[in-house]
Amino acid sequence: MLKKLYLFPALILMLTVSSCSLYEEVEMLGVENYSFEKSDSSILANIEFKINNPNFYSIKLKKSDFKVFLGEDELGLATMVDDLKIDKKTEKVYTLGLLLEENALKDKLVPLIKRALFKKTITFRIKGQAQAKVWGVLGKKFDINESKEVNISELLSSFNL
C-alpha cells in the first residue's frame, strides 16, 4: 500500500504535463462591428469580436481593464461591463461591453473635430490583457490588441454633440 502512495505524485505530474496539450489557443479573428452609447458620466462601447475557440470546453473572460486609443491618442482605461463566455468548439461573434469615462473623451473632442474636416475615419483600438478561466479554476492571461476604423462623424453623433 505504501508503495502505491509513492506513485501518486508521479501520476499527478504525468497528468499535469499531458493536460498542457489539451489547450489550443483561442483566436481573435478581428473586430466585426462597434457602437457607442452615452450613459450618465460614461460611454458604453459595444465591440463585436469574431472569436474562434477550438477547445472542447468553454472559456470565460473575466472582467478586465483595457487601454483605449483613438488614433494615436490614449483615452484612458475602459472596464469590461460583464464577464464574457466563449462557447466551446465555435467560431462566432461576441459583444464586449466596455465602459469609458466621458471626461477622457471630452479632452480629445476638439482634435477629433479638426480631423473630421480632413479625414472620414479614425482608428479605435483597445489593448491590454484579458484573464480567461476554464471551469472557474484554471486561468490564463492573454494579450488583446485589436483595432477598427470608425467613422468620425458617427462617433461624434453618438456623443450627442
C-alpha atoms as a PDB file:
ATOM      1  CA  MET A   1       0.000   0.000   0.000  1.00  0.00           C
ATOM      2  CA  LEU A   2       2.802   2.417   0.883  1.00  0.00           C
ATOM      3  CA  LYS A   3       4.461   1.736  -2.476  1.00  0.00           C
ATOM      4  CA  LYS A   4       1.291   2.891  -4.285  1.00  0.00           C
ATOM      5  CA  LEU A   5       1.331   6.210  -2.393  1.00  0.00           C
ATOM      6  CA  TYR A   6       4.736   6.988  -3.880  1.00  0.00           C
ATOM      7  CA  LEU A   7       3.276   6.529  -7.372  1.00  0.00           C
ATOM      8  CA  PHE A   8       0.509   9.092  -6.758  1.00  0.00           C
ATOM      9  CA  PRO A   9       2.746  12.218  -7.171  1.00  0.00           C
ATOM     10  CA  ALA A  10       4.225  10.716 -10.342  1.00  0.00           C
ATOM     11  CA  LEU A  11       0.717  10.140 -11.698  1.00  0.00           C
ATOM     12  CA  ILE A  12      -0.297  13.739 -10.879  1.00  0.00           C
ATOM     13  CA  LEU A  13       2.851  15.035 -12.618  1.00  0.00           C
ATOM     14  CA  MET A  14       2.149  12.957 -15.745  1.00  0.00           C
ATOM     15  CA  LEU A  15      -1.464  14.194 -15.902  1.00  0.00           C
ATOM     16  CA  THR A  16      -0.362  17.805 -15.467  1.00  0.00           C
ATOM     17  CA  VAL A  17       2.229  17.605 -18.252  1.00  0.00           C
ATOM     18  CA  SER A  18      -0.102  15.767 -20.615  1.00  0.00           C
ATOM     19  CA  SER A  19      -3.002  18.161 -19.957  1.00  0.00           C
ATOM     20  CA  CYS A  20      -0.998  21.050 -21.410  1.00  0.00           C
ATOM     21  CA  SER A  21      -1.577  19.570 -24.842  1.00  0.00           C
ATOM     22  CA  LEU A  22      -5.355  19.761 -24.316  1.00  0.00           C
ATOM     23  CA  TYR A  23      -5.335  23.550 -24.714  1.00  0.00           C
ATOM     24  CA  GLU A  24      -5.389  25.223 -28.114  1.00  0.00           C
ATOM     25  CA  GLU A  25      -5.022  28.999 -28.472  1.00  0.00           C
ATOM     26  CA  VAL A  26      -8.220  30.985 -28.723  1.00  0.00           C
ATOM     27  CA  GLU A  27      -8.038  33.129 -31.867  1.00  0.00           C
ATOM     28  CA  MET A  28      -9.259  36.729 -32.060  1.00  0.00           C
ATOM     29  CA  LEU A  29     -10.289  37.000 -35.712  1.00  0.00           C
ATOM     30  CA  GLY A  30     -10.871  40.746 -35.642  1.00  0.00           C
ATOM     31  CA  VAL A  31     -13.469  43.382 -34.939  1.00  0.00           C
ATOM     32  CA  GLU A  32     -16.725  42.940 -36.847  1.00  0.00           C
ATOM     33  CA  ASN A  33     -18.705  45.978 -35.677  1.00  0.00           C
ATOM     34  CA  TYR A  34     -18.917  48.644 -32.986  1.00  0.00           C
ATOM     35  CA  SER A  35     -21.377  51.047 -31.406  1.00  0.00           C
ATOM     36  CA  PHE A  36     -21.185  53.777 -28.789  1.00  0.00           C
ATOM     37  CA  GLU A  37     -23.862  54.835 -26.301  1.00  0.00           C
ATOM     38  CA  LYS A  38     -23.781  57.658 -23.782  1.00  0.00           C
ATOM     39  CA  SER A  39     -24.930  56.877 -20.229  1.00  0.00           C
ATOM     40  CA  ASP A  40     -24.576  59.234 -17.246  1.00  0.00           C
ATOM     41  CA  SER A  41     -20.882  60.177 -16.931  1.00  0.00           C
ATOM     42  CA  SER A  42     -19.580  57.289 -19.044  1.00  0.00           C
ATOM     43  CA  ILE A  43     -19.725  55.961 -22.570  1.00  0.00           C
ATOM     44  CA  LEU A  44     -20.525  52.349 -23.350  1.00  0.00           C
ATOM     45  CA  ALA A  45     -18.527  50.983 -26.271  1.00  0.00           C
ATOM     46  CA  ASN A  46     -20.007  47.738 -27.617  1.00  0.00           C
ATOM     47  CA  ILE A  47     -17.388  45.993 -29.716  1.00  0.00           C
ATOM     48  CA  GLU A  48     -18.243  42.856 -31.656  1.00  0.00           C
ATOM     49  CA  PHE A  49     -15.309  40.458 -31.961  1.00  0.00           C
ATOM     50  CA  LYS A  50     -15.161  37.315 -34.040  1.00  0.00           C
ATOM     51  CA  ILE A  51     -13.559  34.657 -31.837  1.00  0.00           C
ATOM     52  CA  ASN A  52     -12.609  31.056 -32.593  1.00  0.00           C
ATOM     53  CA  ASN A  53     -12.475  28.640 -29.642  1.00  0.00           C
ATOM     54  CA  PRO A  54     -11.217  25.248 -30.939  1.00  0.00           C
ATOM     55  CA  ASN A  55     -11.180  23.698 -27.435  1.00  0.00           C
ATOM     56  CA  PHE A  56     -13.710  21.134 -26.183  1.00  0.00           C
ATOM     57  CA  TYR A  57     -14.545  23.363 -23.218  1.00  0.00           C
ATOM     58  CA  SER A  58     -15.991  26.857 -22.816  1.00  0.00           C
ATOM     59  CA  ILE A  59     -13.782  29.716 -21.651  1.00  0.00           C
ATOM     60  CA  LYS A  60     -14.903  32.655 -19.534  1.00  0.00           C
ATOM     61  CA  LEU A  61     -13.207  36.038 -19.925  1.00  0.00           C
ATOM     62  CA  LYS A  62     -13.230  37.697 -16.522  1.00  0.00           C
ATOM     63  CA  LYS A  63     -13.768  41.440 -16.124  1.00  0.00           C
ATOM     64  CA  SER A  64     -10.581  43.187 -17.196  1.00  0.00           C
ATOM     65  CA  ASP A  65      -9.318  46.692 -17.892  1.00  0.00           C
ATOM     66  CA  PHE A  66      -8.026  47.787 -21.287  1.00  0.00           C
ATOM     67  CA  LYS A  67      -6.284  50.889 -22.587  1.00  0.00           C
ATOM     68  CA  VAL A  68      -8.343  52.630 -25.246  1.00  0.00           C
ATOM     69  CA  PHE A  69      -6.801  54.598 -28.105  1.00  0.00           C
ATOM     70  CA  LEU A  70      -8.376  56.912 -30.647  1.00  0.00           C
ATOM     71  CA  GLY A  71      -5.843  57.344 -33.413  1.00  0.00           C
ATOM     72  CA  GLU A  72      -2.534  57.613 -31.571  1.00  0.00           C
ATOM     73  CA  ASP A  73      -4.087  59.309 -28.522  1.00  0.00           C
ATOM     74  CA  GLU A  74      -4.710  57.247 -25.390  1.00  0.00           C
ATOM     75  CA  LEU A  75      -8.164  57.943 -23.986  1.00  0.00           C
ATOM     76  CA  GLY A  76      -7.609  56.091 -20.728  1.00  0.00           C
ATOM     77  CA  LEU A  77      -8.798  52.847 -19.191  1.00  0.00           C
ATOM     78  CA  ALA A  78     -12.012  51.060 -20.086  1.00  0.00           C
ATOM     79  CA  THR A  79     -13.542  48.362 -17.901  1.00  0.00           C
ATOM     80  CA  MET A  80     -15.493  45.356 -19.131  1.00  0.00           C
ATOM     81  CA  VAL A  81     -19.162  45.562 -18.139  1.00  0.00           C
ATOM     82  CA  ASP A  82     -19.657  41.793 -17.705  1.00  0.00           C
ATOM     83  CA  ASP A  83     -17.740  38.552 -17.927  1.00  0.00           C
ATOM     84  CA  LEU A  84     -17.839  37.025 -21.405  1.00  0.00           C
ATOM     85  CA  LYS A  85     -18.406  33.305 -22.012  1.00  0.00           C
ATOM     86  CA  ILE A  86     -16.803  31.921 -25.175  1.00  0.00           C
ATOM     87  CA  ASP A  87     -18.564  28.724 -26.213  1.00  0.00           C
ATOM     88  CA  LYS A  88     -16.639  25.536 -26.909  1.00  0.00           C
ATOM     89  CA  LYS A  89     -15.830  24.440 -30.480  1.00  0.00           C
ATOM     90  CA  THR A  90     -17.291  27.586 -32.079  1.00  0.00           C
ATOM     91  CA  GLU A  91     -16.298  30.464 -34.292  1.00  0.00           C
ATOM     92  CA  LYS A  92     -18.785  33.241 -33.728  1.00  0.00           C
ATOM     93  CA  VAL A  93     -19.249  36.918 -32.902  1.00  0.00           C
ATOM     94  CA  TYR A  94     -19.282  38.057 -29.266  1.00  0.00           C
ATOM     95  CA  THR A  95     -20.122  41.527 -27.955  1.00  0.00           C
ATOM     96  CA  LEU A  96     -17.686  43.010 -25.477  1.00  0.00           C
ATOM     97  CA  GLY A  97     -19.100  45.948 -23.495  1.00  0.00           C
ATOM     98  CA  LEU A  98     -16.527  48.484 -22.293  1.00  0.00           C
ATOM     99  CA  LEU A  99     -17.228  51.491 -20.075  1.00  0.00           C
ATOM    100  CA  LEU A 100     -15.167  54.619 -20.850  1.00  0.00           C
ATOM    101  CA  GLU A 101     -15.090  57.741 -18.728  1.00  0.00           C
ATOM    102  CA  GLU A 102     -16.705  60.581 -20.673  1.00  0.00           C
ATOM    103  CA  ASN A 103     -14.218  63.138 -19.317  1.00  0.00           C
ATOM    104  CA  ALA A 104     -11.337  61.321 -21.006  1.00  0.00           C
ATOM    105  CA  LEU A 105     -13.062  61.612 -24.360  1.00  0.00           C
ATOM    106  CA  LYS A 106     -14.109  65.242 -23.957  1.00  0.00           C
ATOM    107  CA  ASP A 107     -10.438  66.248 -23.826  1.00  0.00           C
ATOM    108  CA  LYS A 108      -9.964  64.664 -27.269  1.00  0.00           C
ATOM    109  CA  LEU A 109     -13.068  66.145 -28.950  1.00  0.00           C
ATOM    110  CA  VAL A 110     -11.517  69.335 -30.379  1.00  0.00           C
ATOM    111  CA  PRO A 111      -8.687  67.464 -32.152  1.00  0.00           C
ATOM    112  CA  LEU A 112     -11.257  64.869 -33.272  1.00  0.00           C
ATOM    113  CA  ILE A 113     -13.461  67.562 -34.824  1.00  0.00           C
ATOM    114  CA  LYS A 114     -10.411  69.036 -36.590  1.00  0.00           C
ATOM    115  CA  ARG A 115      -9.563  65.602 -38.004  1.00  0.00           C
ATOM    116  CA  ALA A 116     -13.153  65.205 -39.201  1.00  0.00           C
ATOM    117  CA  LEU A 117     -12.592  68.117 -41.557  1.00  0.00           C
ATOM    118  CA  PHE A 118      -9.805  66.273 -43.384  1.00  0.00           C
ATOM    119  CA  LYS A 119     -10.418  62.559 -42.702  1.00  0.00           C
ATOM    120  CA  LYS A 120     -13.545  60.418 -42.567  1.00  0.00           C
ATOM    121  CA  THR A 121     -12.263  57.658 -40.286  1.00  0.00           C
ATOM    122  CA  ILE A 122     -10.011  57.195 -37.294  1.00  0.00           C
ATOM    123  CA  THR A 123      -8.598  54.053 -35.670  1.00  0.00           C
ATOM    124  CA  PHE A 124     -10.296  52.916 -32.449  1.00  0.00           C
ATOM    125  CA  ARG A 125      -8.022  50.445 -30.647  1.00  0.00           C
ATOM    126  CA  ILE A 126      -8.128  48.504 -27.384  1.00  0.00           C
ATOM    127  CA  LYS A 127      -5.049  46.997 -25.834  1.00  0.00           C
ATOM    128  CA  GLY A 128      -4.448  45.017 -22.667  1.00  0.00           C
ATOM    129  CA  GLN A 129      -4.525  41.619 -21.039  1.00  0.00           C
ATOM    130  CA  ALA A 130      -7.629  39.523 -20.532  1.00  0.00           C
ATOM    131  CA  GLN A 131      -7.935  36.947 -17.774  1.00  0.00           C
ATOM    132  CA  ALA A 132      -9.509  33.697 -19.003  1.00  0.00           C
ATOM    133  CA  LYS A 133     -10.841  30.940 -16.741  1.00  0.00           C
ATOM    134  CA  VAL A 134     -11.839  27.356 -17.501  1.00  0.00           C
ATOM    135  CA  TRP A 135     -14.261  25.603 -15.165  1.00  0.00           C
ATOM    136  CA  GLY A 136     -13.740  28.519 -12.768  1.00  0.00           C
ATOM    137  CA  VAL A 137     -10.345  27.190 -11.678  1.00  0.00           C
ATOM    138  CA  LEU A 138      -7.695  27.099 -14.380  1.00  0.00           C
ATOM    139  CA  GLY A 139      -6.633  30.514 -15.607  1.00  0.00           C
ATOM    140  CA  LYS A 140      -4.507  32.115 -18.264  1.00  0.00           C
ATOM    141  CA  LYS A 141      -3.813  35.692 -19.337  1.00  0.00           C
ATOM    142  CA  PHE A 142      -3.539  36.619 -22.970  1.00  0.00           C
ATOM    143  CA  ASP A 143      -2.905  39.842 -24.839  1.00  0.00           C
ATOM    144  CA  ILE A 144      -5.583  41.710 -26.752  1.00  0.00           C
ATOM    145  CA  ASN A 145      -4.580  44.343 -29.279  1.00  0.00           C
ATOM    146  CA  GLU A 146      -7.447  44.905 -31.710  1.00  0.00           C
ATOM    147  CA  SER A 147      -8.409  47.911 -33.804  1.00  0.00           C
ATOM    148  CA  LYS A 148     -11.141  49.056 -36.142  1.00  0.00           C
ATOM    149  CA  GLU A 149     -11.533  52.077 -38.383  1.00  0.00           C
ATOM    150  CA  VAL A 150     -14.514  54.091 -37.147  1.00  0.00           C
ATOM    151  CA  ASN A 151     -16.396  56.825 -38.947  1.00  0.00           C
ATOM    152  CA  ILE A 152     -15.605  60.113 -37.174  1.00  0.00           C
ATOM    153  CA  SER A 153     -19.000  61.689 -37.861  1.00  0.00           C
ATOM    154  CA  GLU A 154     -20.812  58.609 -36.436  1.00  0.00           C
ATOM    155  CA  LEU A 155     -18.556  58.707 -33.389  1.00  0.00           C
ATOM    156  CA  LEU A 156     -19.285  62.388 -32.769  1.00  0.00           C
ATOM    157  CA  SER A 157     -23.040  61.918 -33.284  1.00  0.00           C
ATOM    158  CA  SER A 158     -23.119  59.083 -30.719  1.00  0.00           C
ATOM    159  CA  PHE A 159     -21.969  61.587 -28.081  1.00  0.00           C
ATOM    160  CA  ASN A 160     -24.943  63.881 -28.812  1.00  0.00           C
ATOM    161  CA  LEU A 161     -22.910  66.887 -29.907  1.00  0.00           C
END
